[in-house]
Amino acid sequence: MVREYGRRLLILAGGLMVSAVGITMMLQANVGQEPWSILQKGMSIFFGMTYGTAAMIVGAAVIAIAVLCGESFGIGTLANIFFCPVCIDILLYLDWIPQMQTLWSGLLMLLGGMELLAVGTWMYMKSALGSGPRDALMVVLARKTGRSVGLCRATVELIAIFVGWRLGGQLGVGTLISAVGLGTLFNLNFGLLRFDAASLHQENIAETLHRLGSLY
């Protein structure tokens, strides 16, 4: 079992690092950010903090709301909140991914980043060590309100866009492309990889501790 968890943790870490590269590429595309990135970039500009710090704050706030409403979280959720943003900040600091200056180069960078985010999300979800904080929030909102997950996601993302834009986040054609295309790209990649995300149980932290505790 220890070897199994070691393998899953490696998949989780790899997926989050790939996702971090994808998100950084989307930021550096300079053609408009996806909804959550608009909020986090706006916060970083307005409050003078790094993008990663803003992402941690948003992720922690989101999962706190979900937990208060009865949703659980896992090791992967915590890694998503704290590890991925650190990777993004390091990539931005090192400036290995240049900021695009033209529309077409920006669109190509955006699409490449979206694809890497989809692949990284597949790896992260495949580890089955906990759902992402935003996914947990959408599920609990749908359960509490009786509305569809899609409607809850759209409502929350519109709020994130508005608040982030008011704080200084970047709206653009990339916002529309990512908002419309990310879900489709995820489904396409999951289909090609024959990965059924809905049927996979995401282990919460209590289950993980119980399973590891049974070894001793």
N, C-alpha and C. Protein backbone atom coordinates (compact mmCIF):
# COMPACT_ATOMS: atom_id res chain seq x y z
N MET A 1 0.83 -1.21 0.00
CA MET A 1 0.00 0.00 0.00
C MET A 1 0.87 1.27 0.00
N VAL A 2 2.00 1.21 0.72
CA VAL A 2 2.90 2.36 0.73
C VAL A 2 3.40 2.65 -0.67
N ARG A 3 3.75 1.59 -1.40
CA ARG A 3 4.20 1.76 -2.78
C ARG A 3 3.09 2.35 -3.65
N GLU A 4 1.86 1.90 -3.40
CA GLU A 4 0.71 2.42 -4.17
C GLU A 4 0.55 3.92 -3.94
N TYR A 5 0.63 4.35 -2.66
CA TYR A 5 0.49 5.77 -2.36
C TYR A 5 1.66 6.57 -2.91
N GLY A 6 2.84 5.99 -2.89
CA GLY A 6 3.99 6.66 -3.49
C GLY A 6 3.76 6.92 -4.97
N ARG A 7 3.23 5.92 -5.66
CA ARG A 7 2.94 6.06 -7.10
C ARG A 7 1.88 7.12 -7.33
N ARG A 8 0.84 7.10 -6.51
CA ARG A 8 -0.25 8.08 -6.67
C ARG A 8 0.21 9.50 -6.37
N LEU A 9 1.08 9.62 -5.37
CA LEU A 9 1.61 10.95 -5.05
C LEU A 9 2.50 11.49 -6.17
N LEU A 10 3.26 10.61 -6.82
CA LEU A 10 4.07 11.03 -7.96
C LEU A 10 3.19 11.49 -9.11
N ILE A 11 2.10 10.75 -9.37
CA ILE A 11 1.16 11.15 -10.43
C ILE A 11 0.53 12.49 -10.09
N LEU A 12 0.14 12.65 -8.81
CA LEU A 12 -0.45 13.91 -8.35
C LEU A 12 0.52 15.08 -8.56
N ALA A 13 1.77 14.91 -8.08
CA ALA A 13 2.75 15.99 -8.20
C ALA A 13 3.04 16.30 -9.66
N GLY A 14 3.17 15.26 -10.48
CA GLY A 14 3.41 15.48 -11.91
C GLY A 14 2.27 16.21 -12.56
N GLY A 15 1.05 15.82 -12.23
CA GLY A 15 -0.12 16.49 -12.80
C GLY A 15 -0.21 17.95 -12.41
N LEU A 16 0.10 18.26 -11.16
CA LEU A 16 0.06 19.65 -10.71
C LEU A 16 1.16 20.48 -11.35
N MET A 17 2.32 19.88 -11.58
CA MET A 17 3.40 20.62 -12.25
C MET A 17 3.06 20.88 -13.71
N VAL A 18 2.49 19.88 -14.38
CA VAL A 18 2.06 20.09 -15.77
C VAL A 18 0.97 21.15 -15.83
N SER A 19 0.04 21.09 -14.89
CA SER A 19 -1.03 22.10 -14.83
C SER A 19 -0.45 23.49 -14.60
N ALA A 20 0.57 23.58 -13.74
CA ALA A 20 1.21 24.88 -13.45
C ALA A 20 1.84 25.47 -14.71
N VAL A 21 2.49 24.62 -15.51
CA VAL A 21 3.06 25.09 -16.78
C VAL A 21 1.95 25.58 -17.70
N GLY A 22 0.85 24.81 -17.76
CA GLY A 22 -0.27 25.20 -18.61
C GLY A 22 -0.88 26.53 -18.19
N ILE A 23 -1.09 26.71 -16.88
CA ILE A 23 -1.67 27.96 -16.38
C ILE A 23 -0.72 29.13 -16.64
N THR A 24 0.57 28.92 -16.44
CA THR A 24 1.56 29.97 -16.70
C THR A 24 1.55 30.37 -18.17
N MET A 25 1.45 29.37 -19.06
CA MET A 25 1.36 29.68 -20.49
C MET A 25 0.11 30.49 -20.80
N MET A 26 -1.00 30.15 -20.16
CA MET A 26 -2.25 30.89 -20.39
C MET A 26 -2.13 32.33 -19.89
N LEU A 27 -1.43 32.52 -18.77
CA LEU A 27 -1.20 33.87 -18.25
C LEU A 27 -0.31 34.67 -19.20
N GLN A 28 0.76 34.02 -19.68
CA GLN A 28 1.73 34.70 -20.53
C GLN A 28 1.25 34.86 -21.97
N ALA A 29 0.14 34.23 -22.31
CA ALA A 29 -0.42 34.40 -23.66
C ALA A 29 -0.83 35.85 -23.90
N ASN A 30 -1.24 36.55 -22.82
CA ASN A 30 -1.53 37.99 -22.89
C ASN A 30 -2.69 38.32 -23.82
N VAL A 31 -3.68 37.42 -23.87
CA VAL A 31 -4.86 37.69 -24.71
C VAL A 31 -6.14 37.62 -23.89
N GLY A 32 -6.02 37.69 -22.58
CA GLY A 32 -7.18 37.57 -21.70
C GLY A 32 -7.12 36.28 -20.91
N GLN A 33 -7.48 36.36 -19.65
CA GLN A 33 -7.33 35.22 -18.75
C GLN A 33 -8.64 34.48 -18.53
N GLU A 34 -8.52 33.22 -18.11
CA GLU A 34 -9.72 32.45 -17.80
C GLU A 34 -10.31 32.99 -16.49
N PRO A 35 -11.59 32.69 -16.19
CA PRO A 35 -12.30 33.36 -15.09
C PRO A 35 -11.57 33.40 -13.76
N TRP A 36 -11.08 32.25 -13.26
CA TRP A 36 -10.42 32.26 -11.95
C TRP A 36 -9.10 33.01 -12.01
N SER A 37 -8.41 32.93 -13.13
CA SER A 37 -7.14 33.65 -13.27
C SER A 37 -7.35 35.16 -13.30
N ILE A 38 -8.49 35.60 -13.85
CA ILE A 38 -8.80 37.03 -13.83
C ILE A 38 -8.91 37.51 -12.38
N LEU A 39 -9.61 36.73 -11.56
CA LEU A 39 -9.75 37.10 -10.15
C LEU A 39 -8.40 37.10 -9.45
N GLN A 40 -7.61 36.03 -9.66
CA GLN A 40 -6.34 35.92 -8.96
C GLN A 40 -5.32 36.93 -9.45
N LYS A 41 -5.32 37.22 -10.75
CA LYS A 41 -4.43 38.24 -11.28
C LYS A 41 -4.84 39.62 -10.78
N GLY A 42 -6.16 39.85 -10.74
CA GLY A 42 -6.66 41.12 -10.22
C GLY A 42 -6.25 41.33 -8.77
N MET A 43 -6.35 40.28 -7.98
CA MET A 43 -5.93 40.36 -6.58
C MET A 43 -4.44 40.64 -6.46
N SER A 44 -3.64 39.99 -7.31
CA SER A 44 -2.19 40.20 -7.24
C SER A 44 -1.83 41.64 -7.58
N ILE A 45 -2.55 42.23 -8.54
CA ILE A 45 -2.29 43.63 -8.93
C ILE A 45 -2.76 44.58 -7.84
N PHE A 46 -3.97 44.38 -7.36
CA PHE A 46 -4.58 45.32 -6.41
C PHE A 46 -3.90 45.28 -5.05
N PHE A 47 -3.56 44.08 -4.58
CA PHE A 47 -2.99 43.94 -3.23
C PHE A 47 -1.47 43.83 -3.23
N GLY A 48 -0.85 43.82 -4.41
CA GLY A 48 0.60 43.77 -4.48
C GLY A 48 1.19 42.45 -4.03
N MET A 49 0.52 41.35 -4.35
CA MET A 49 1.02 40.02 -3.98
C MET A 49 1.31 39.24 -5.25
N THR A 50 1.96 38.09 -5.10
CA THR A 50 2.23 37.26 -6.28
C THR A 50 0.93 36.58 -6.73
N TYR A 51 0.93 36.15 -7.99
CA TYR A 51 -0.23 35.41 -8.51
C TYR A 51 -0.46 34.15 -7.68
N GLY A 52 0.62 33.44 -7.35
CA GLY A 52 0.49 32.21 -6.58
C GLY A 52 -0.12 32.43 -5.21
N THR A 53 0.28 33.51 -4.54
CA THR A 53 -0.29 33.82 -3.23
C THR A 53 -1.78 34.07 -3.35
N ALA A 54 -2.18 34.82 -4.38
CA ALA A 54 -3.60 35.08 -4.60
C ALA A 54 -4.35 33.77 -4.87
N ALA A 55 -3.73 32.88 -5.66
CA ALA A 55 -4.35 31.59 -5.97
C ALA A 55 -4.53 30.76 -4.70
N MET A 56 -3.54 30.78 -3.81
CA MET A 56 -3.65 30.07 -2.53
C MET A 56 -4.82 30.60 -1.71
N ILE A 57 -4.92 31.92 -1.62
CA ILE A 57 -5.99 32.54 -0.83
C ILE A 57 -7.35 32.17 -1.39
N VAL A 58 -7.50 32.25 -2.70
CA VAL A 58 -8.78 31.91 -3.33
C VAL A 58 -9.09 30.43 -3.11
N GLY A 59 -8.11 29.57 -3.35
CA GLY A 59 -8.32 28.13 -3.18
C GLY A 59 -8.70 27.77 -1.75
N ALA A 60 -7.99 28.37 -0.78
CA ALA A 60 -8.29 28.10 0.63
C ALA A 60 -9.68 28.60 1.01
N ALA A 61 -10.06 29.78 0.51
CA ALA A 61 -11.39 30.32 0.80
C ALA A 61 -12.48 29.45 0.19
N VAL A 62 -12.25 28.99 -1.03
CA VAL A 62 -13.22 28.16 -1.73
C VAL A 62 -13.45 26.84 -1.00
N ILE A 63 -12.35 26.17 -0.62
CA ILE A 63 -12.50 24.88 0.06
C ILE A 63 -13.07 25.07 1.45
N ALA A 64 -12.78 26.19 2.12
CA ALA A 64 -13.35 26.46 3.44
C ALA A 64 -14.87 26.56 3.35
N ILE A 65 -15.36 27.26 2.31
CA ILE A 65 -16.81 27.37 2.10
C ILE A 65 -17.41 25.99 1.85
N ALA A 66 -16.73 25.21 1.00
CA ALA A 66 -17.24 23.87 0.67
C ALA A 66 -17.29 22.98 1.91
N VAL A 67 -16.25 23.05 2.75
CA VAL A 67 -16.21 22.23 3.97
C VAL A 67 -17.30 22.66 4.94
N LEU A 68 -17.52 23.96 5.09
CA LEU A 68 -18.58 24.46 5.97
C LEU A 68 -19.96 23.99 5.51
N CYS A 69 -20.07 23.72 4.21
CA CYS A 69 -21.34 23.24 3.65
C CYS A 69 -21.41 21.71 3.61
N GLY A 70 -20.38 21.05 4.19
CA GLY A 70 -20.44 19.60 4.31
C GLY A 70 -19.64 18.80 3.32
N GLU A 71 -18.88 19.45 2.45
CA GLU A 71 -18.08 18.73 1.46
C GLU A 71 -16.72 18.34 2.09
N SER A 72 -16.18 17.20 1.66
CA SER A 72 -14.89 16.74 2.18
C SER A 72 -13.77 17.15 1.23
N PHE A 73 -12.53 16.93 1.66
CA PHE A 73 -11.38 17.24 0.81
C PHE A 73 -10.29 16.21 1.06
N GLY A 74 -9.31 16.15 0.18
CA GLY A 74 -8.25 15.17 0.29
C GLY A 74 -6.88 15.80 0.23
N ILE A 75 -5.86 14.93 0.27
CA ILE A 75 -4.48 15.39 0.16
C ILE A 75 -4.28 16.13 -1.16
N GLY A 76 -4.88 15.61 -2.21
CA GLY A 76 -4.77 16.24 -3.52
C GLY A 76 -5.36 17.63 -3.55
N THR A 77 -6.44 17.84 -2.78
CA THR A 77 -7.06 19.16 -2.68
C THR A 77 -6.08 20.17 -2.08
N LEU A 78 -5.42 19.75 -1.01
CA LEU A 78 -4.45 20.63 -0.35
C LEU A 78 -3.25 20.91 -1.26
N ALA A 79 -2.81 19.88 -1.99
CA ALA A 79 -1.70 20.08 -2.92
C ALA A 79 -2.10 21.04 -4.04
N ASN A 80 -3.35 20.92 -4.47
CA ASN A 80 -3.87 21.83 -5.50
C ASN A 80 -3.84 23.28 -5.02
N ILE A 81 -4.18 23.47 -3.76
CA ILE A 81 -4.25 24.82 -3.18
C ILE A 81 -2.86 25.41 -2.96
N PHE A 82 -1.91 24.60 -2.48
CA PHE A 82 -0.63 25.16 -2.03
C PHE A 82 0.56 24.84 -2.96
N PHE A 83 0.61 23.64 -3.53
CA PHE A 83 1.77 23.26 -4.33
C PHE A 83 1.73 23.86 -5.73
N CYS A 84 0.59 23.76 -6.39
CA CYS A 84 0.48 24.27 -7.76
C CYS A 84 0.77 25.78 -7.85
N PRO A 85 0.20 26.62 -6.96
CA PRO A 85 0.51 28.05 -7.03
C PRO A 85 1.98 28.37 -6.83
N VAL A 86 2.67 27.61 -5.98
CA VAL A 86 4.12 27.82 -5.79
C VAL A 86 4.86 27.55 -7.09
N CYS A 87 4.47 26.47 -7.78
CA CYS A 87 5.09 26.15 -9.07
C CYS A 87 4.87 27.28 -10.08
N ILE A 88 3.66 27.84 -10.09
CA ILE A 88 3.36 28.94 -11.01
C ILE A 88 4.22 30.16 -10.70
N ASP A 89 4.33 30.50 -9.43
CA ASP A 89 5.16 31.65 -9.03
C ASP A 89 6.62 31.44 -9.43
N ILE A 90 7.12 30.22 -9.26
CA ILE A 90 8.51 29.93 -9.64
C ILE A 90 8.70 30.11 -11.14
N LEU A 91 7.76 29.60 -11.92
CA LEU A 91 7.85 29.72 -13.38
C LEU A 91 7.79 31.19 -13.81
N LEU A 92 6.91 31.96 -13.18
CA LEU A 92 6.81 33.39 -13.52
C LEU A 92 8.09 34.13 -13.11
N TYR A 93 8.65 33.77 -11.96
CA TYR A 93 9.88 34.41 -11.49
C TYR A 93 11.05 34.10 -12.41
N LEU A 94 11.17 32.84 -12.82
CA LEU A 94 12.27 32.43 -13.68
C LEU A 94 12.12 32.97 -15.10
N ASP A 95 10.89 33.33 -15.48
CA ASP A 95 10.60 33.91 -16.80
C ASP A 95 11.03 32.97 -17.94
N TRP A 96 10.84 31.67 -17.73
CA TRP A 96 11.17 30.70 -18.77
C TRP A 96 10.13 30.71 -19.89
N ILE A 97 8.92 31.15 -19.57
CA ILE A 97 7.85 31.22 -20.57
C ILE A 97 7.61 32.70 -20.86
N PRO A 98 8.05 33.19 -22.01
CA PRO A 98 7.95 34.63 -22.30
C PRO A 98 6.51 35.07 -22.52
N GLN A 99 6.26 36.33 -22.26
CA GLN A 99 4.94 36.89 -22.52
C GLN A 99 4.81 37.20 -24.01
N MET A 100 3.70 36.78 -24.60
CA MET A 100 3.47 37.00 -26.02
C MET A 100 3.05 38.45 -26.28
N GLN A 101 3.47 38.96 -27.45
CA GLN A 101 3.22 40.36 -27.78
C GLN A 101 2.28 40.54 -28.97
N THR A 102 1.92 39.45 -29.65
CA THR A 102 0.99 39.55 -30.77
C THR A 102 -0.21 38.65 -30.52
N LEU A 103 -1.31 38.93 -31.22
CA LEU A 103 -2.54 38.17 -31.03
C LEU A 103 -2.35 36.71 -31.39
N TRP A 104 -1.75 36.43 -32.56
CA TRP A 104 -1.67 35.05 -33.03
C TRP A 104 -0.72 34.21 -32.18
N SER A 105 0.41 34.80 -31.79
CA SER A 105 1.32 34.06 -30.90
C SER A 105 0.66 33.83 -29.55
N GLY A 106 -0.11 34.82 -29.10
CA GLY A 106 -0.83 34.69 -27.84
C GLY A 106 -1.88 33.60 -27.89
N LEU A 107 -2.60 33.52 -29.00
CA LEU A 107 -3.63 32.48 -29.14
C LEU A 107 -3.00 31.09 -29.17
N LEU A 108 -1.86 30.95 -29.85
CA LEU A 108 -1.17 29.66 -29.88
C LEU A 108 -0.68 29.28 -28.48
N MET A 109 -0.14 30.26 -27.75
CA MET A 109 0.31 30.01 -26.38
C MET A 109 -0.88 29.62 -25.50
N LEU A 110 -1.98 30.31 -25.67
CA LEU A 110 -3.18 30.01 -24.89
C LEU A 110 -3.66 28.58 -25.13
N LEU A 111 -3.75 28.19 -26.39
CA LEU A 111 -4.23 26.84 -26.73
C LEU A 111 -3.28 25.77 -26.20
N GLY A 112 -1.97 26.04 -26.30
CA GLY A 112 -0.99 25.10 -25.75
C GLY A 112 -1.14 24.96 -24.24
N GLY A 113 -1.35 26.09 -23.57
CA GLY A 113 -1.55 26.08 -22.13
C GLY A 113 -2.81 25.34 -21.73
N MET A 114 -3.88 25.54 -22.49
CA MET A 114 -5.13 24.84 -22.21
C MET A 114 -4.96 23.33 -22.33
N GLU A 115 -4.23 22.90 -23.35
CA GLU A 115 -4.00 21.46 -23.54
C GLU A 115 -3.19 20.88 -22.39
N LEU A 116 -2.14 21.59 -21.98
CA LEU A 116 -1.34 21.11 -20.85
C LEU A 116 -2.16 21.08 -19.56
N LEU A 117 -3.03 22.06 -19.38
CA LEU A 117 -3.90 22.07 -18.19
C LEU A 117 -4.83 20.87 -18.20
N ALA A 118 -5.34 20.52 -19.38
CA ALA A 118 -6.23 19.35 -19.50
C ALA A 118 -5.48 18.06 -19.16
N VAL A 119 -4.26 17.93 -19.68
CA VAL A 119 -3.45 16.73 -19.40
C VAL A 119 -3.07 16.68 -17.92
N GLY A 120 -2.67 17.82 -17.37
CA GLY A 120 -2.32 17.88 -15.95
C GLY A 120 -3.50 17.55 -15.06
N THR A 121 -4.68 18.01 -15.43
CA THR A 121 -5.89 17.71 -14.66
C THR A 121 -6.21 16.23 -14.71
N TRP A 122 -6.02 15.61 -15.88
CA TRP A 122 -6.22 14.15 -16.00
C TRP A 122 -5.29 13.42 -15.04
N MET A 123 -4.02 13.80 -15.01
CA MET A 123 -3.06 13.15 -14.11
C MET A 123 -3.45 13.36 -12.65
N TYR A 124 -3.81 14.60 -12.33
CA TYR A 124 -4.20 14.95 -10.96
C TYR A 124 -5.42 14.14 -10.52
N MET A 125 -6.43 14.08 -11.38
CA MET A 125 -7.65 13.35 -11.03
C MET A 125 -7.41 11.85 -11.00
N LYS A 126 -6.51 11.36 -11.85
CA LYS A 126 -6.19 9.93 -11.89
C LYS A 126 -5.58 9.45 -10.57
N SER A 127 -4.90 10.33 -9.86
CA SER A 127 -4.32 9.96 -8.57
C SER A 127 -5.40 9.66 -7.54
N ALA A 128 -6.61 10.21 -7.74
CA ALA A 128 -7.78 9.95 -6.87
C ALA A 128 -7.52 10.29 -5.41
N LEU A 129 -6.78 11.37 -5.17
CA LEU A 129 -6.44 11.77 -3.80
C LEU A 129 -7.20 13.01 -3.34
N GLY A 130 -8.29 13.32 -4.03
CA GLY A 130 -9.12 14.45 -3.60
C GLY A 130 -9.45 15.36 -4.75
N SER A 131 -10.69 15.84 -4.78
CA SER A 131 -11.13 16.72 -5.86
C SER A 131 -10.54 18.11 -5.68
N GLY A 132 -10.50 18.88 -6.77
CA GLY A 132 -10.01 20.25 -6.70
C GLY A 132 -10.96 21.12 -5.90
N PRO A 133 -10.46 22.19 -5.26
CA PRO A 133 -11.32 23.03 -4.42
C PRO A 133 -12.50 23.64 -5.16
N ARG A 134 -12.30 24.07 -6.40
CA ARG A 134 -13.39 24.69 -7.15
C ARG A 134 -14.45 23.66 -7.53
N ASP A 135 -14.01 22.44 -7.87
CA ASP A 135 -14.96 21.37 -8.17
C ASP A 135 -15.80 21.04 -6.94
N ALA A 136 -15.17 20.99 -5.79
CA ALA A 136 -15.89 20.70 -4.54
C ALA A 136 -16.94 21.77 -4.27
N LEU A 137 -16.58 23.04 -4.52
CA LEU A 137 -17.52 24.14 -4.30
C LEU A 137 -18.72 24.01 -5.22
N MET A 138 -18.49 23.68 -6.50
CA MET A 138 -19.59 23.56 -7.45
C MET A 138 -20.56 22.45 -7.04
N VAL A 139 -20.00 21.33 -6.58
CA VAL A 139 -20.84 20.20 -6.16
C VAL A 139 -21.70 20.60 -4.96
N VAL A 140 -21.10 21.25 -3.97
CA VAL A 140 -21.86 21.59 -2.78
C VAL A 140 -22.89 22.68 -3.07
N LEU A 141 -22.57 23.62 -3.95
CA LEU A 141 -23.55 24.65 -4.32
C LEU A 141 -24.73 24.04 -5.05
N ALA A 142 -24.45 23.09 -5.94
CA ALA A 142 -25.53 22.40 -6.66
C ALA A 142 -26.43 21.64 -5.69
N ARG A 143 -25.81 20.99 -4.71
CA ARG A 143 -26.58 20.23 -3.73
C ARG A 143 -27.42 21.14 -2.84
N LYS A 144 -26.86 22.27 -2.44
CA LYS A 144 -27.57 23.18 -1.54
C LYS A 144 -28.69 23.96 -2.23
N THR A 145 -28.47 24.33 -3.48
CA THR A 145 -29.43 25.17 -4.20
C THR A 145 -30.43 24.37 -5.02
N GLY A 146 -30.09 23.12 -5.33
CA GLY A 146 -30.96 22.32 -6.19
C GLY A 146 -30.80 22.66 -7.66
N ARG A 147 -29.82 23.48 -8.00
CA ARG A 147 -29.54 23.85 -9.39
C ARG A 147 -28.47 22.93 -9.96
N SER A 148 -28.30 22.99 -11.28
CA SER A 148 -27.30 22.15 -11.93
C SER A 148 -25.89 22.64 -11.61
N VAL A 149 -24.94 21.71 -11.69
CA VAL A 149 -23.54 22.07 -11.48
C VAL A 149 -23.10 23.10 -12.51
N GLY A 150 -23.56 22.93 -13.75
CA GLY A 150 -23.21 23.86 -14.83
C GLY A 150 -23.67 25.28 -14.53
N LEU A 151 -24.89 25.43 -14.03
CA LEU A 151 -25.41 26.76 -13.70
C LEU A 151 -24.63 27.36 -12.54
N CYS A 152 -24.35 26.54 -11.53
CA CYS A 152 -23.58 27.04 -10.38
C CYS A 152 -22.18 27.48 -10.82
N ARG A 153 -21.54 26.68 -11.68
CA ARG A 153 -20.21 27.04 -12.17
C ARG A 153 -20.25 28.35 -12.94
N ALA A 154 -21.23 28.47 -13.84
CA ALA A 154 -21.33 29.69 -14.66
C ALA A 154 -21.55 30.92 -13.78
N THR A 155 -22.40 30.80 -12.76
CA THR A 155 -22.69 31.92 -11.87
C THR A 155 -21.46 32.35 -11.09
N VAL A 156 -20.77 31.36 -10.50
CA VAL A 156 -19.58 31.66 -9.71
C VAL A 156 -18.48 32.25 -10.59
N GLU A 157 -18.31 31.72 -11.79
CA GLU A 157 -17.26 32.22 -12.68
C GLU A 157 -17.56 33.63 -13.17
N LEU A 158 -18.83 33.95 -13.39
CA LEU A 158 -19.19 35.32 -13.77
C LEU A 158 -18.86 36.30 -12.64
N ILE A 159 -19.12 35.87 -11.40
CA ILE A 159 -18.77 36.71 -10.25
C ILE A 159 -17.26 36.89 -10.17
N ALA A 160 -16.51 35.79 -10.38
CA ALA A 160 -15.04 35.85 -10.35
C ALA A 160 -14.52 36.80 -11.42
N ILE A 161 -15.11 36.73 -12.63
CA ILE A 161 -14.70 37.61 -13.73
C ILE A 161 -14.94 39.07 -13.36
N PHE A 162 -16.13 39.36 -12.84
CA PHE A 162 -16.47 40.76 -12.54
C PHE A 162 -15.56 41.32 -11.46
N VAL A 163 -15.42 40.57 -10.35
CA VAL A 163 -14.58 41.05 -9.25
C VAL A 163 -13.12 41.19 -9.70
N GLY A 164 -12.63 40.17 -10.41
CA GLY A 164 -11.25 40.21 -10.89
C GLY A 164 -11.00 41.35 -11.86
N TRP A 165 -11.95 41.62 -12.74
CA TRP A 165 -11.83 42.72 -13.70
C TRP A 165 -11.79 44.06 -12.97
N ARG A 166 -12.63 44.22 -11.94
CA ARG A 166 -12.64 45.46 -11.18
C ARG A 166 -11.32 45.66 -10.42
N LEU A 167 -10.65 44.55 -10.08
CA LEU A 167 -9.38 44.65 -9.37
C LEU A 167 -8.19 44.83 -10.31
N GLY A 168 -8.43 44.67 -11.61
CA GLY A 168 -7.36 44.89 -12.58
C GLY A 168 -6.99 43.69 -13.42
N GLY A 169 -7.75 42.58 -13.31
CA GLY A 169 -7.50 41.40 -14.13
C GLY A 169 -7.79 41.68 -15.60
N GLN A 170 -7.21 40.86 -16.47
CA GLN A 170 -7.27 41.10 -17.91
C GLN A 170 -8.39 40.31 -18.57
N LEU A 171 -9.34 41.04 -19.16
CA LEU A 171 -10.37 40.44 -20.00
C LEU A 171 -9.92 40.49 -21.45
N GLY A 172 -10.31 39.52 -22.24
CA GLY A 172 -9.93 39.51 -23.65
C GLY A 172 -10.54 38.33 -24.37
N VAL A 173 -10.12 38.16 -25.61
CA VAL A 173 -10.64 37.05 -26.40
C VAL A 173 -10.27 35.71 -25.76
N GLY A 174 -9.13 35.67 -25.06
CA GLY A 174 -8.72 34.45 -24.38
C GLY A 174 -9.68 34.05 -23.28
N THR A 175 -10.34 35.04 -22.66
CA THR A 175 -11.33 34.75 -21.63
C THR A 175 -12.48 33.94 -22.21
N LEU A 176 -12.97 34.38 -23.36
CA LEU A 176 -14.07 33.68 -24.02
C LEU A 176 -13.64 32.30 -24.49
N ILE A 177 -12.45 32.21 -25.10
CA ILE A 177 -11.96 30.93 -25.61
C ILE A 177 -11.80 29.92 -24.48
N SER A 178 -11.19 30.34 -23.39
CA SER A 178 -10.95 29.41 -22.27
C SER A 178 -12.25 29.05 -21.56
N ALA A 179 -13.15 30.03 -21.40
CA ALA A 179 -14.42 29.77 -20.73
C ALA A 179 -15.25 28.75 -21.50
N VAL A 180 -15.25 28.88 -22.83
CA VAL A 180 -16.04 27.98 -23.67
C VAL A 180 -15.30 26.69 -23.99
N GLY A 181 -13.97 26.81 -24.22
CA GLY A 181 -13.21 25.68 -24.75
C GLY A 181 -12.61 24.73 -23.76
N LEU A 182 -12.37 25.17 -22.52
CA LEU A 182 -11.69 24.30 -21.57
C LEU A 182 -12.48 23.03 -21.28
N GLY A 183 -13.78 23.18 -21.04
CA GLY A 183 -14.60 22.01 -20.75
C GLY A 183 -14.61 21.02 -21.90
N THR A 184 -14.71 21.54 -23.13
CA THR A 184 -14.71 20.69 -24.31
C THR A 184 -13.36 19.99 -24.47
N LEU A 185 -12.28 20.73 -24.23
CA LEU A 185 -10.94 20.15 -24.35
C LEU A 185 -10.71 19.07 -23.29
N PHE A 186 -11.22 19.30 -22.09
CA PHE A 186 -11.12 18.29 -21.03
C PHE A 186 -11.84 17.02 -21.48
N ASN A 187 -13.07 17.17 -21.97
CA ASN A 187 -13.85 16.01 -22.39
C ASN A 187 -13.17 15.27 -23.53
N LEU A 188 -12.58 16.00 -24.47
CA LEU A 188 -11.88 15.38 -25.59
C LEU A 188 -10.68 14.58 -25.11
N ASN A 189 -9.88 15.17 -24.25
CA ASN A 189 -8.70 14.47 -23.72
C ASN A 189 -9.10 13.26 -22.89
N PHE A 190 -10.10 13.42 -22.05
CA PHE A 190 -10.54 12.30 -21.21
C PHE A 190 -11.08 11.17 -22.08
N GLY A 191 -11.77 11.53 -23.17
CA GLY A 191 -12.28 10.51 -24.08
C GLY A 191 -11.16 9.76 -24.78
N LEU A 192 -10.16 10.50 -25.26
CA LEU A 192 -9.03 9.87 -25.94
C LEU A 192 -8.23 8.98 -24.99
N LEU A 193 -8.16 9.38 -23.73
CA LEU A 193 -7.42 8.61 -22.73
C LEU A 193 -8.28 7.54 -22.06
N ARG A 194 -9.56 7.49 -22.47
CA ARG A 194 -10.52 6.53 -21.91
C ARG A 194 -10.59 6.64 -20.39
N PHE A 195 -10.74 7.86 -19.96
CA PHE A 195 -10.76 8.16 -18.52
C PHE A 195 -12.15 8.67 -18.15
N ASP A 196 -12.83 7.94 -17.27
CA ASP A 196 -14.17 8.33 -16.80
C ASP A 196 -14.04 8.99 -15.43
N ALA A 197 -13.97 10.30 -15.42
CA ALA A 197 -13.75 11.03 -14.18
C ALA A 197 -14.91 10.84 -13.20
N ALA A 198 -16.13 10.75 -13.73
CA ALA A 198 -17.30 10.66 -12.87
C ALA A 198 -17.35 9.36 -12.08
N SER A 199 -16.79 8.29 -12.62
CA SER A 199 -16.85 6.99 -11.95
C SER A 199 -15.72 6.76 -10.96
N LEU A 200 -14.78 7.69 -10.92
CA LEU A 200 -13.61 7.52 -10.05
C LEU A 200 -13.85 8.17 -8.70
N HIS A 201 -13.74 7.39 -7.63
CA HIS A 201 -13.93 7.93 -6.28
C HIS A 201 -12.68 8.70 -5.86
N GLN A 202 -12.89 9.95 -5.48
CA GLN A 202 -11.79 10.78 -4.99
C GLN A 202 -11.69 10.61 -3.47
N GLU A 203 -10.55 10.11 -3.03
CA GLU A 203 -10.34 9.77 -1.62
C GLU A 203 -10.20 11.03 -0.77
N ASN A 204 -11.01 11.12 0.28
CA ASN A 204 -10.84 12.27 1.17
C ASN A 204 -9.76 12.00 2.20
N ILE A 205 -9.39 13.02 2.96
CA ILE A 205 -8.22 12.91 3.85
C ILE A 205 -8.47 11.92 4.98
N ALA A 206 -9.72 11.79 5.44
CA ALA A 206 -10.03 10.83 6.50
C ALA A 206 -9.82 9.40 6.00
N GLU A 207 -10.23 9.14 4.76
CA GLU A 207 -10.03 7.81 4.18
C GLU A 207 -8.55 7.50 4.01
N THR A 208 -7.79 8.48 3.56
CA THR A 208 -6.35 8.28 3.37
C THR A 208 -5.67 7.96 4.70
N LEU A 209 -5.99 8.75 5.73
CA LEU A 209 -5.37 8.53 7.05
C LEU A 209 -5.78 7.17 7.62
N HIS A 210 -7.02 6.78 7.39
CA HIS A 210 -7.49 5.48 7.88
C HIS A 210 -6.74 4.34 7.19
N ARG A 211 -6.59 4.45 5.88
CA ARG A 211 -5.90 3.39 5.14
C ARG A 211 -4.42 3.31 5.53
N LEU A 212 -3.78 4.45 5.68
CA LEU A 212 -2.37 4.45 6.07
C LEU A 212 -2.21 3.99 7.52
N GLY A 213 -3.18 4.36 8.37
CA GLY A 213 -3.12 3.95 9.77
C GLY A 213 -3.27 2.46 9.96
N SER A 214 -3.96 1.82 9.04
CA SER A 214 -4.16 0.37 9.13
C SER A 214 -2.89 -0.41 8.87
N LEU A 215 -1.85 0.28 8.38
CA LEU A 215 -0.58 -0.39 8.12
C LEU A 215 0.22 -0.61 9.41
N TYR A 216 -0.14 0.15 10.46
CA TYR A 216 0.67 0.10 11.69
C TYR A 216 -0.11 -0.52 12.84
